[in-house]
Structures are given as structure tokens and as C-alpha cells.
Amino acid sequence: MNGTGARRGVAALVPLLVLAGLGLALPAAPSAAATPPANSVAPFGATAIGANAVANANAPVVAIAATHDGGGYWLAGRDGGIFNYGDAGFFGSAGSLRLNAPIVGMTATPNGGGYWLVAADGGIFNYGDAGFFGSAGSLRLNAPIVGMAATRDGGGYWLVAADGGIFNYGDAAFAGSAGSLQLNAPVVGMAATPNGGGYWLVARDGGIFTYGDARYFGSLGGTSLPGPVVGLAVTPSGGGYWLAVGSEPLAGEVVGIDPGHNGLNYSAPSFIDAPVFNGTGTEPCDTTGTATDGGYTEAQFNFNVATDLQADLQAEGATVVLTRPNNAGVGPCVTTRAAIVNEAHADVAVDIHADGGPSDGRGFTVLEPTADGPNDGVVASSAAFAATLRNAFVGGTPMPVSDYDGIDGLQPRNDLAGLNLTTVPKVLIECGNMRNATDAALLVTPSFQQAAAAAMAQAITTYLTGGAQA
């Protein structure tokens, strides 16, 4: 999935002005982009309908699609709800369905008589005259699906993943991808050119990537936004596009992240070996953690994923509390880690680890607490979060569920301080087995670490916005 693309900051913004009567489109002088409201649409170039905003949305807006004549557009919420403007008709929604993964993108049929919705796991929902040509729902993805676009005859569509990877179905042709690029922000959506000879990708920060015959007209890159850019739609002529700006779904929420172990724990055995009471018995204050056969440490993996997750959650408006600031220290003890998260009154928390299991065993496991007193009030909510995280990790990473620990990726535990002493909804995830060569080859890569963080962020957002699964 290699390709070349163009990405430009807001300083290069060149909106188009259409001169009535002369039929000419001339570039206007560049100007700074105004800050749009949350759950709204920001028009660029030659667009027939202007800005709109969704008031009191049940879920954040995550996608946009335009009608065939450019006289309207649809917005989609992450719960599958549909909002239609201008001459865009309503043909149905997934708002009443129980989704396996949240809606992340949409696109319309060429005549505007229907539309498709796509979920983060690659599942496709078709309405009106939109046909079904395949999905990525059965694939193990390197990164979650974030958007889609249809061909000009409606006989196929493209799906795009957060890493910029492209999946094509029906008569949709491959024109390039951002899958090999180092992105400043994840890709969140795409749109095709009118003749199907190219497409645009848009990143969360408003950056634009162009492929094939797609032209560049401007971006929100470098602009201070009230929420992430969530999608784009293109005018019928291909002479302009809209970027949709969503809200910060985790504004006001507090998330605790505990990256297990620490980089210098090996240097202080008397400290980390000291026994502490974990609520049901004793365990060491901390341990060094495991490592791959090549010497890549679990402590480093845990911290890398934690910082990626921190960035993802902060981009959604959350306040994030980490139990350690770097990977160059000792401890803290597992009891102190639990206290840090409890005292922050986190709305949800995750302990990040990788396992040191049998060399012939593969996969991840989500550990959840059992009732022991301090955690009695959060056992049920932790179980709901555990199932949501398991589902997100299956759909958003190439790591399988464990074949040696737990059942279907879940395992109750009563011997870990982080789970026994928690007073907030919390789970511990073993992201894979460092002692297995296949798992280890994934765990050491930045792409897997980012995908793991993205899956955790998706699960946390789903849980905190009311979509947790029991």
C-alpha cells in the first residue's frame, strides 16, 4: 500500500471564488481559517451549501457525504445516527442497532438515492439504492477502518484505515495510499474524485493527502480546532470540498493509564522485591517485567503504548493521569499505582502490559477484577469495559486472542493489586506474549504499538460515551 500524496498546512489555503455570469473560478487570496463550532461543517472552495452544525447530538459527528448535485450533505454520528441538510434525503440509519464497532465513515451513491456507513471493524451498512460489494469485517486489520468513498457509478467503494492503508471493493481501483508514510495525525476519512481517477485522504488534524487526479484546495492543518476533523466530502465538479469538524467526546473525562513496570527496576531489587498487601494477599512491590528474546523490554513497550494512548485520549479532550512519567525510573509499587488512579477519581483506567507466557502460546488477554471489598462497586463496570476493550483489540490490531490464558480473550483475576484495590472501572491488558516469536515481532514495532493504543482509545471512548458491551 505505497503511494505518494500531498499534504499542506493552512498557510497554503486557496479557496475558490465563482464569478457569476462569467463562469470563471479564480483563486482568492489566502486567509486564516476561522475556528468552526463542534459537530459542524466547514466549506472550502466552490460549495453550494455552507456551514451547518448539529445541536445536542446524541453522539459525536464522525463522517460526511455530499449529494450528487452538491446541494446538500449528510452527517453521520458514531452511533449510526444520520443528519441530512439541503437536498440530502433520509434513507435509514444504524442509530437503533447494537453495533459491534462504532460508525466511522459514510459515502453516498452517485444519484444520491442511498448511502453506505462503515464501522471501525470494516463492517458495511447499506441504505437506499446502495449495494453491498464486500467488507473488511472478517479481516485482521493493522489499524481500524476510519472512512470510505464510492466509485462514480456506485459499483464499488474504497475503505481507508487510520494508518492510511486502502482496501478496494467492486470496481474501485487502487490509486495509492499513505500506508508507508509517517503521519503527524491518523487518517480519519476519504473522498473520491468525480471520475473515480483519484481520491483525497484527510487526517485528524485537518491535513490533506491527494492521490491520482485529486486536486488540493486547502486544509485545516495548523488551525486551532474545537475538536478533531472527522471527514470530508467533495463537490460534483471536484473543484472543492468540505471538512467536517467534530467535538471532543471525552471532554471532562479522566482516564488513568498505568504502564506496567519501569526501565530501571532491575537496578533496585531490594525495593521492587519488597512484599506489599494487594487486597487478598501479598505480592512484590513491582517486578522487572519480561522481554523478547532480542532483549526488547516489556517496560519500554508498556510506556510506548501508554504515551501513544495518552496522545489519542488528549486529542479527544480527556484528562490523562499516568502512574509514571518516563521509562527511566524505579517503581512505583503496584499499590501506589492503584492509589494514584483512585485518587484521580478516574472515570476508567487501563493497566498496560505484555506477557511472558509459554513460547508456543500466542495472543492477548484482558484481565478483569473479581469482588474482594475495595473493588466491589466497579466489578460489573470493569467487566463491561473488558468486553469492549477485547472487541476493540480484535478489530483494531493483528494480535489474536490468547490461546493459553483466559476464555475468548477475557480472564478474571483476584491476585493483582491494580485490580484488587481499584475503586474505578479498570482492566489490565496483556497485549501479546513477548516469549512467542510471532507475537514479539509485532510487539516491538511502532505500528503495532500505535494500533494497540488506538484500539484502547476506541474502547475507552466507546465505554465513556455509553457504548460499553456487557
Protein backbone atom coordinates (compact mmCIF):
# COMPACT_ATOMS: atom_id res chain seq x y z
CA MET A 1 0.00 0.00 0.00
CA ASN A 2 2.56 2.51 -1.13
CA GLY A 3 1.78 5.84 -2.69
CA THR A 4 2.64 9.48 -2.87
CA GLY A 5 0.45 12.29 -1.64
CA ALA A 6 0.33 15.97 -0.93
CA ARG A 7 -0.23 17.45 2.49
CA ARG A 8 -0.36 21.16 3.09
CA GLY A 9 -0.85 23.44 6.09
CA VAL A 10 -3.38 26.20 6.42
CA ALA A 11 -0.88 28.78 5.17
CA ALA A 12 -1.34 27.33 1.68
CA LEU A 13 -5.15 27.57 1.80
CA VAL A 14 -6.52 28.82 -1.55
CA PRO A 15 -10.36 28.89 -1.54
CA LEU A 16 -12.14 29.30 -4.88
CA LEU A 17 -14.49 32.18 -5.75
CA VAL A 18 -17.02 31.59 -8.56
CA LEU A 19 -17.76 34.71 -10.63
CA ALA A 20 -21.44 34.74 -11.60
CA GLY A 21 -22.17 35.22 -15.34
CA LEU A 22 -18.59 34.69 -16.45
CA GLY A 23 -18.44 31.05 -15.38
CA LEU A 24 -14.89 31.56 -14.12
CA ALA A 25 -13.34 30.16 -10.95
CA LEU A 26 -10.50 32.28 -9.62
CA PRO A 27 -8.29 31.69 -6.60
CA ALA A 28 -8.89 34.08 -3.72
CA ALA A 29 -6.13 35.47 -1.57
CA PRO A 30 -5.11 33.05 1.20
CA SER A 31 -6.67 33.78 4.57
CA ALA A 32 -6.62 32.23 8.00
CA ALA A 33 -9.32 29.62 8.59
CA ALA A 34 -11.98 30.64 11.13
CA THR A 35 -12.49 28.26 14.04
CA PRO A 36 -15.72 26.28 13.43
CA PRO A 37 -18.04 25.03 16.21
CA ALA A 38 -18.13 21.39 17.30
CA ASN A 39 -20.14 18.85 15.27
CA SER A 40 -20.18 21.21 12.30
CA VAL A 41 -19.20 21.58 8.63
CA ALA A 42 -16.55 23.99 7.29
CA PRO A 43 -16.86 24.64 3.50
CA PHE A 44 -13.85 25.22 1.21
CA GLY A 45 -13.68 26.07 -2.50
CA ALA A 46 -16.82 26.26 -4.68
CA THR A 47 -19.61 24.84 -2.49
CA ALA A 48 -23.36 25.44 -2.97
CA ILE A 49 -24.33 24.96 0.67
CA GLY A 50 -22.50 26.49 3.57
CA ALA A 51 -21.76 25.68 7.17
CA ASN A 52 -24.16 23.79 9.45
CA ALA A 53 -23.88 22.40 12.97
CA VAL A 54 -25.69 19.62 14.82
CA ALA A 55 -27.17 20.82 18.11
CA ASN A 56 -27.44 18.40 21.05
CA ALA A 57 -26.11 15.40 19.16
CA ASN A 58 -26.51 12.02 20.93
CA ALA A 59 -23.05 11.05 19.71
CA PRO A 60 -20.20 12.98 18.09
CA VAL A 61 -20.32 13.53 14.33
CA VAL A 62 -17.78 11.29 12.63
CA ALA A 63 -18.44 11.47 8.87
CA ILE A 64 -19.89 13.50 6.00
CA ALA A 65 -21.09 12.75 2.44
CA ALA A 66 -22.42 15.11 -0.24
CA THR A 67 -25.36 14.68 -2.65
CA HIS A 68 -24.71 14.16 -6.35
CA ASP A 69 -25.58 17.77 -7.27
CA GLY A 70 -23.74 19.38 -4.36
CA GLY A 71 -26.99 20.81 -2.99
CA GLY A 72 -26.78 19.03 0.34
CA TYR A 73 -24.94 16.60 2.55
CA TRP A 74 -25.38 14.05 5.27
CA LEU A 75 -23.54 13.87 8.60
CA ALA A 76 -23.21 10.58 10.47
CA GLY A 77 -22.78 10.12 14.22
CA ARG A 78 -20.59 7.43 15.73
CA ASP A 79 -23.79 5.68 16.89
CA GLY A 80 -25.03 5.44 13.28
CA GLY A 81 -27.41 8.39 13.51
CA ILE A 82 -27.93 10.40 10.29
CA PHE A 83 -28.42 14.18 9.88
CA ASN A 84 -29.43 15.47 6.43
CA TYR A 85 -29.13 19.02 5.04
CA GLY A 86 -30.10 20.73 1.79
CA ASP A 87 -31.42 18.25 -0.77
CA ALA A 88 -29.97 15.20 1.03
CA GLY A 89 -32.73 12.65 1.70
CA PHE A 90 -33.05 10.29 4.66
CA PHE A 91 -32.92 6.56 3.77
CA GLY A 92 -32.30 4.97 7.14
CA SER A 93 -29.71 4.81 9.90
CA ALA A 94 -27.93 2.44 12.25
CA GLY A 95 -28.91 4.57 15.24
CA SER A 96 -31.19 1.88 16.67
CA LEU A 97 -28.77 -1.01 16.11
CA ARG A 98 -26.37 -2.56 18.62
CA LEU A 99 -23.08 -2.15 16.78
CA ASN A 100 -20.02 -4.38 17.13
CA ALA A 101 -17.88 -1.31 16.45
CA PRO A 102 -18.71 2.39 16.12
CA ILE A 103 -19.54 4.01 12.79
CA VAL A 104 -16.54 5.88 11.41
CA GLY A 105 -17.40 6.83 7.83
CA MET A 106 -20.01 7.12 5.10
CA THR A 107 -20.40 7.77 1.39
CA ALA A 108 -23.37 8.30 -0.93
CA THR A 109 -24.47 6.62 -4.17
CA PRO A 110 -23.92 8.60 -7.41
CA ASN A 111 -27.55 9.65 -7.76
CA GLY A 112 -27.99 10.48 -4.08
CA GLY A 113 -30.57 7.74 -3.62
CA GLY A 114 -28.73 5.96 -0.84
CA TYR A 115 -25.56 5.73 1.20
CA TRP A 116 -23.20 3.36 2.93
CA LEU A 117 -21.95 3.51 6.52
CA VAL A 118 -18.73 1.79 7.56
CA ALA A 119 -17.75 0.73 11.08
CA ALA A 120 -14.28 0.67 12.65
CA ASP A 121 -14.05 -3.11 12.17
CA GLY A 122 -14.72 -2.75 8.43
CA GLY A 123 -18.39 -3.75 8.60
CA ILE A 124 -20.63 -2.16 5.93
CA PHE A 125 -24.25 -0.95 6.31
CA ASN A 126 -26.08 -0.04 3.07
CA TYR A 127 -29.27 2.04 2.71
CA GLY A 128 -31.48 3.16 -0.18
CA ASP A 129 -30.02 2.10 -3.54
CA ALA A 130 -26.53 1.45 -2.10
CA GLY A 131 -25.32 -2.08 -2.98
CA PHE A 132 -23.08 -4.36 -0.95
CA PHE A 133 -19.73 -5.31 -2.58
CA GLY A 134 -17.76 -6.66 0.35
CA SER A 135 -16.29 -5.59 3.66
CA ALA A 136 -13.21 -5.85 5.86
CA GLY A 137 -15.28 -7.15 8.77
CA SER A 138 -13.65 -10.58 8.66
CA LEU A 139 -10.07 -9.31 8.29
CA ARG A 140 -7.44 -8.78 10.97
CA LEU A 141 -6.54 -5.15 10.42
CA ASN A 142 -3.24 -3.42 11.15
CA ALA A 143 -5.26 -0.32 12.02
CA PRO A 144 -9.01 0.31 12.33
CA ILE A 145 -11.08 1.45 9.34
CA VAL A 146 -11.88 5.15 9.52
CA GLY A 147 -13.67 6.06 6.27
CA MET A 148 -14.86 5.14 2.80
CA ALA A 149 -15.63 6.50 -0.67
CA ALA A 150 -17.71 5.16 -3.58
CA THR A 151 -16.90 4.90 -7.29
CA ARG A 152 -18.67 7.20 -9.74
CA ASP A 153 -21.10 4.50 -10.91
CA GLY A 154 -21.77 3.16 -7.42
CA GLY A 155 -20.34 -0.21 -8.39
CA GLY A 156 -17.67 -0.30 -5.73
CA TYR A 157 -16.00 1.54 -2.88
CA TRP A 158 -12.75 2.12 -1.07
CA LEU A 159 -12.16 1.78 2.68
CA VAL A 160 -9.33 3.64 4.38
CA ALA A 161 -7.64 2.71 7.67
CA ALA A 162 -6.19 5.02 10.29
CA ASP A 163 -2.67 4.32 9.04
CA GLY A 164 -3.67 5.43 5.52
CA GLY A 165 -3.99 1.90 4.14
CA ILE A 166 -6.55 1.44 1.34
CA PHE A 167 -8.95 -1.51 0.72
CA ASN A 168 -10.83 -1.57 -2.60
CA TYR A 169 -14.03 -3.48 -3.49
CA GLY A 170 -16.19 -3.86 -6.61
CA ASP A 171 -14.96 -1.63 -9.43
CA ALA A 172 -12.91 0.65 -7.13
CA ALA A 173 -9.30 0.91 -8.37
CA PHE A 174 -6.24 1.45 -6.17
CA ALA A 175 -4.52 4.83 -6.77
CA GLY A 176 -2.12 4.97 -3.81
CA SER A 177 -2.13 5.19 -0.03
CA ALA A 178 -0.46 6.77 2.98
CA GLY A 179 0.27 3.38 4.49
CA SER A 180 4.04 3.83 4.15
CA LEU A 181 4.15 7.42 5.47
CA GLN A 182 4.96 8.69 8.96
CA LEU A 183 1.78 10.60 9.78
CA ASN A 184 1.50 13.62 12.08
CA ALA A 185 -2.05 12.56 12.89
CA PRO A 186 -4.11 9.50 11.92
CA VAL A 187 -6.20 9.49 8.77
CA VAL A 188 -9.90 9.89 9.53
CA GLY A 189 -11.66 9.91 6.15
CA MET A 190 -11.54 9.95 2.36
CA ALA A 191 -13.45 11.08 -0.73
CA ALA A 192 -13.14 10.14 -4.41
CA THR A 193 -12.82 12.44 -7.42
CA PRO A 194 -15.91 12.68 -9.65
CA ASN A 195 -14.45 10.43 -12.37
CA GLY A 196 -13.02 7.90 -9.91
CA GLY A 197 -9.44 8.56 -11.02
CA GLY A 198 -8.20 9.53 -7.57
CA TYR A 199 -9.13 10.38 -4.02
CA TRP A 200 -8.38 12.60 -1.07
CA LEU A 201 -7.47 11.43 2.43
CA VAL A 202 -7.92 13.74 5.42
CA ALA A 203 -6.14 13.45 8.76
CA ARG A 204 -7.47 14.19 12.22
CA ASP A 205 -5.54 17.48 12.33
CA GLY A 206 -7.09 18.62 9.02
CA GLY A 207 -4.11 17.70 6.83
CA ILE A 208 -4.98 16.66 3.25
CA PHE A 209 -3.36 13.93 1.09
CA THR A 210 -4.09 13.73 -2.65
CA TYR A 211 -3.83 10.71 -4.97
CA GLY A 212 -4.50 10.15 -8.68
CA ASP A 213 -6.28 13.16 -10.18
CA ALA A 214 -7.40 14.60 -6.82
CA ARG A 215 -6.50 18.33 -6.52
CA TYR A 216 -5.53 20.30 -3.41
CA PHE A 217 -7.69 23.30 -2.38
CA GLY A 218 -6.83 23.90 1.28
CA SER A 219 -6.75 22.32 4.71
CA LEU A 220 -7.25 22.96 8.40
CA GLY A 221 -3.71 21.78 9.20
CA GLY A 222 -2.17 24.17 11.72
CA THR A 223 -5.55 25.63 12.73
CA SER A 224 -6.68 25.59 16.38
CA LEU A 225 -9.84 23.46 16.35
CA PRO A 226 -12.57 22.79 18.97
CA GLY A 227 -12.49 19.11 18.04
CA PRO A 228 -10.93 16.72 15.53
CA VAL A 229 -11.55 16.81 11.81
CA VAL A 230 -13.73 13.74 11.18
CA GLY A 231 -14.26 13.60 7.41
CA LEU A 232 -14.56 15.34 4.07
CA ALA A 233 -16.95 15.47 1.10
CA VAL A 234 -16.33 16.73 -2.43
CA THR A 235 -18.36 18.92 -4.80
CA PRO A 236 -19.70 17.31 -8.02
CA SER A 237 -17.08 19.06 -10.16
CA GLY A 238 -14.21 18.10 -7.88
CA GLY A 239 -13.49 21.82 -7.53
CA GLY A 240 -13.85 21.98 -3.76
CA TYR A 241 -14.58 20.02 -0.62
CA TRP A 242 -15.96 20.31 2.87
CA LEU A 243 -14.09 19.26 6.02
CA ALA A 244 -16.29 18.21 8.95
CA VAL A 245 -15.15 19.15 12.46
CA GLY A 246 -16.41 17.01 15.34
CA SER A 247 -16.50 17.55 19.07
CA GLU A 248 -14.18 16.32 21.80
CA PRO A 249 -16.16 13.29 23.00
CA LEU A 250 -14.06 12.86 26.17
CA ALA A 251 -14.12 16.47 27.37
CA GLY A 252 -14.39 16.43 31.16
CA GLU A 253 -13.46 12.73 31.47
CA VAL A 254 -10.46 11.48 33.46
CA VAL A 255 -8.61 8.36 32.27
CA GLY A 256 -5.96 6.53 34.27
CA ILE A 257 -3.12 4.78 32.43
CA ASP A 258 -0.67 2.51 34.26
CA PRO A 259 2.26 1.41 32.06
CA GLY A 260 3.50 -1.64 33.93
CA HIS A 261 6.99 -1.94 35.46
CA ASN A 262 9.76 0.63 34.82
CA GLY A 263 13.01 0.79 32.90
CA LEU A 264 15.37 0.74 35.91
CA ASN A 265 13.53 -1.72 38.14
CA TYR A 266 16.35 -4.21 37.61
CA SER A 267 18.70 -1.83 39.44
CA ALA A 268 16.80 -1.84 42.75
CA PRO A 269 15.93 -5.44 43.65
CA SER A 270 15.57 -4.75 47.37
CA PHE A 271 12.92 -2.13 46.62
CA ILE A 272 10.89 -3.89 43.97
CA ASP A 273 11.04 -7.29 45.74
CA ALA A 274 9.59 -5.93 48.99
CA PRO A 275 6.17 -7.52 49.69
CA VAL A 276 3.05 -5.35 49.66
CA PHE A 277 -0.55 -6.20 50.54
CA ASN A 278 -2.66 -6.40 47.39
CA GLY A 279 -6.09 -6.75 48.98
CA THR A 280 -6.19 -10.55 49.15
CA GLY A 281 -2.59 -11.42 49.94
CA THR A 282 0.92 -10.22 49.21
CA GLU A 283 2.90 -9.70 46.04
CA PRO A 284 6.17 -7.92 45.20
CA CYS A 285 6.16 -4.12 45.15
CA ASP A 286 6.91 -4.42 41.41
CA THR A 287 8.93 -6.60 39.01
CA THR A 288 11.22 -6.01 36.07
CA GLY A 289 8.68 -7.44 33.64
CA THR A 290 9.52 -9.69 30.73
CA ALA A 291 11.37 -9.14 27.43
CA THR A 292 11.65 -10.59 23.95
CA ASP A 293 14.46 -12.97 23.03
CA GLY A 294 16.11 -9.97 21.38
CA GLY A 295 16.13 -8.03 24.65
CA TYR A 296 13.28 -5.57 23.96
CA THR A 297 11.78 -4.94 27.38
CA GLU A 298 8.16 -5.06 28.41
CA ALA A 299 8.68 -1.84 30.40
CA GLN A 300 9.60 0.01 27.20
CA PHE A 301 6.68 -1.47 25.28
CA ASN A 302 4.25 -0.56 28.05
CA PHE A 303 5.44 3.03 28.20
CA ASN A 304 5.42 3.50 24.42
CA VAL A 305 1.82 2.32 24.16
CA ALA A 306 0.86 4.43 27.18
CA THR A 307 2.21 7.63 25.65
CA ASP A 308 0.55 6.88 22.30
CA LEU A 309 -2.71 6.27 24.17
CA GLN A 310 -2.25 9.46 26.17
CA ALA A 311 -1.94 11.47 22.96
CA ASP A 312 -5.01 9.81 21.43
CA LEU A 313 -7.14 10.47 24.51
CA GLN A 314 -5.98 14.05 24.96
CA ALA A 315 -6.88 14.71 21.32
CA GLU A 316 -10.42 13.66 22.27
CA GLY A 317 -10.48 16.08 25.21
CA ALA A 318 -9.72 13.69 28.08
CA THR A 319 -7.59 14.44 31.12
CA VAL A 320 -5.00 11.65 31.38
CA VAL A 321 -3.24 10.52 34.55
CA LEU A 322 -0.09 8.38 34.13
CA THR A 323 1.38 6.40 37.02
CA ARG A 324 4.95 7.06 35.86
CA PRO A 325 6.34 9.91 33.75
CA ASN A 326 9.07 8.06 31.86
CA ASN A 327 10.84 4.73 31.44
CA ALA A 328 13.98 5.74 33.30
CA GLY A 329 12.99 5.17 36.92
CA VAL A 330 12.15 2.58 39.57
CA GLY A 331 8.60 1.68 40.57
CA PRO A 332 6.31 2.91 41.89
CA CYS A 333 4.89 -0.04 43.77
CA VAL A 334 1.74 -1.62 42.40
CA THR A 335 -0.19 -0.39 45.44
CA THR A 336 0.96 3.18 44.79
CA ARG A 337 -0.04 2.90 41.14
CA ALA A 338 -3.55 1.85 42.19
CA ALA A 339 -3.74 4.75 44.63
CA ILE A 340 -2.65 7.30 42.00
CA VAL A 341 -5.52 6.28 39.72
CA ASN A 342 -8.04 6.04 42.57
CA GLU A 343 -7.11 9.46 43.95
CA ALA A 344 -7.50 10.98 40.47
CA HIS A 345 -11.12 9.70 40.50
CA ALA A 346 -10.58 8.33 37.01
CA ASP A 347 -13.72 7.52 35.06
CA VAL A 348 -11.97 4.45 33.67
CA ALA A 349 -8.42 3.06 33.76
CA VAL A 350 -6.22 0.54 32.00
CA ASP A 351 -3.03 -1.21 33.12
CA ILE A 352 -0.83 -1.86 30.07
CA HIS A 353 1.38 -4.97 29.95
CA ALA A 354 2.81 -7.65 27.68
CA ASP A 355 3.01 -11.24 28.89
CA GLY A 356 5.92 -13.58 29.42
CA GLY A 357 3.99 -16.77 28.67
CA PRO A 358 4.94 -20.10 27.09
CA SER A 359 6.94 -19.78 23.90
CA ASP A 360 4.33 -21.74 21.93
CA GLY A 361 1.45 -19.59 23.18
CA ARG A 362 0.07 -16.58 21.29
CA GLY A 363 -2.27 -13.69 21.84
CA PHE A 364 -3.65 -11.02 24.15
CA THR A 365 -5.78 -11.29 27.28
CA VAL A 366 -7.85 -8.68 29.12
CA LEU A 367 -7.76 -9.28 32.88
CA GLU A 368 -10.71 -8.04 34.94
CA PRO A 369 -11.23 -7.79 38.71
CA THR A 370 -13.28 -10.06 40.95
CA ALA A 371 -15.01 -8.71 44.06
CA ASP A 372 -12.79 -8.52 47.14
CA GLY A 373 -14.04 -5.47 49.06
CA PRO A 374 -12.44 -2.25 47.78
CA ASN A 375 -13.38 -3.01 44.18
CA ASP A 376 -16.92 -4.35 44.80
CA GLY A 377 -18.59 -1.29 43.29
CA VAL A 378 -16.70 -1.44 39.99
CA VAL A 379 -16.58 -5.15 39.16
CA ALA A 380 -19.58 -5.01 36.83
CA SER A 381 -18.45 -1.83 35.08
CA SER A 382 -14.93 -3.22 34.73
CA ALA A 383 -16.37 -6.36 33.11
CA ALA A 384 -18.28 -4.22 30.60
CA PHE A 385 -15.11 -2.28 29.81
CA ALA A 386 -13.13 -5.52 29.49
CA ALA A 387 -15.51 -6.87 26.83
CA THR A 388 -15.42 -3.56 24.97
CA LEU A 389 -11.62 -3.50 25.02
CA ARG A 390 -11.41 -7.13 23.91
CA ASN A 391 -13.66 -6.38 20.93
CA ALA A 392 -11.73 -3.22 20.00
CA PHE A 393 -8.39 -5.05 20.20
CA VAL A 394 -9.66 -7.88 18.00
CA GLY A 395 -10.96 -5.41 15.43
CA GLY A 396 -8.14 -2.89 15.58
CA THR A 397 -4.94 -4.94 15.83
CA PRO A 398 -3.50 -8.06 14.18
CA MET A 399 -2.99 -9.72 17.59
CA PRO A 400 -5.28 -12.75 18.18
CA VAL A 401 -6.94 -13.55 21.49
CA SER A 402 -4.77 -15.70 23.74
CA ASP A 403 -4.71 -19.44 23.12
CA TYR A 404 -3.22 -20.17 26.55
CA ASP A 405 -4.80 -17.75 29.03
CA GLY A 406 -8.44 -16.86 29.65
CA ILE A 407 -11.55 -17.64 27.64
CA ASP A 408 -12.19 -15.68 24.44
CA GLY A 409 -9.66 -13.05 25.48
CA LEU A 410 -11.05 -12.42 28.99
CA GLN A 411 -9.72 -13.60 32.37
CA PRO A 412 -10.93 -12.66 35.90
CA ARG A 413 -8.07 -12.26 38.42
CA ASN A 414 -8.02 -11.84 42.22
CA ASP A 415 -4.26 -11.73 42.85
CA LEU A 416 -3.22 -8.35 41.37
CA ALA A 417 -3.10 -5.14 43.40
CA GLY A 418 -4.08 -2.95 40.46
CA LEU A 419 -7.38 -4.80 40.08
CA ASN A 420 -7.99 -5.77 43.73
CA LEU A 421 -7.56 -2.26 45.10
CA THR A 422 -9.23 -0.27 42.36
CA THR A 423 -12.20 1.94 43.16
CA VAL A 424 -12.65 2.94 39.50
CA PRO A 425 -13.56 0.77 36.48
CA LYS A 426 -10.27 -0.82 35.45
CA VAL A 427 -8.77 -3.70 33.47
CA LEU A 428 -5.27 -4.97 32.78
CA ILE A 429 -4.39 -5.95 29.23
CA GLU A 430 -1.58 -8.33 28.29
CA CYS A 431 -1.13 -7.09 24.71
CA GLY A 432 0.64 -10.22 23.49
CA ASN A 433 3.26 -12.78 24.50
CA MET A 434 6.83 -11.48 24.36
CA ARG A 435 8.18 -15.03 24.68
CA ASN A 436 6.49 -16.06 21.43
CA ALA A 437 8.47 -15.17 18.30
CA THR A 438 5.42 -14.26 16.20
CA ASP A 439 3.90 -12.03 18.89
CA ALA A 440 7.27 -10.47 19.68
CA ALA A 441 7.79 -9.49 16.04
CA LEU A 442 4.58 -7.44 16.30
CA LEU A 443 5.06 -6.06 19.80
CA VAL A 444 8.38 -4.35 19.05
CA THR A 445 7.06 -2.34 16.08
CA PRO A 446 5.82 1.26 16.42
CA SER A 447 2.95 0.47 14.05
CA PHE A 448 1.59 -2.24 16.34
CA GLN A 449 2.11 -0.09 19.42
CA GLN A 450 0.15 2.73 17.79
CA ALA A 451 -2.58 0.33 16.70
CA ALA A 452 -2.78 -1.07 20.23
CA ALA A 453 -3.12 2.44 21.63
CA ALA A 454 -5.76 3.33 19.05
CA ALA A 455 -7.78 0.23 19.94
CA MET A 456 -7.58 1.11 23.63
CA ALA A 457 -8.63 4.68 22.88
CA GLN A 458 -11.57 3.42 20.84
CA ALA A 459 -12.65 1.14 23.68
CA ILE A 460 -12.30 3.91 26.27
CA THR A 461 -14.30 6.33 24.14
CA THR A 462 -16.98 3.70 23.49
CA TYR A 463 -17.19 2.92 27.22
CA LEU A 464 -17.31 6.54 28.33
CA THR A 465 -19.87 7.58 25.71
CA GLY A 466 -22.33 4.85 26.62
CA GLY A 467 -21.48 2.06 24.19
CA ALA A 468 -19.86 -0.46 26.54
CA GLN A 469 -20.81 -4.10 25.97
CA ALA A 470 -21.56 -6.49 28.81
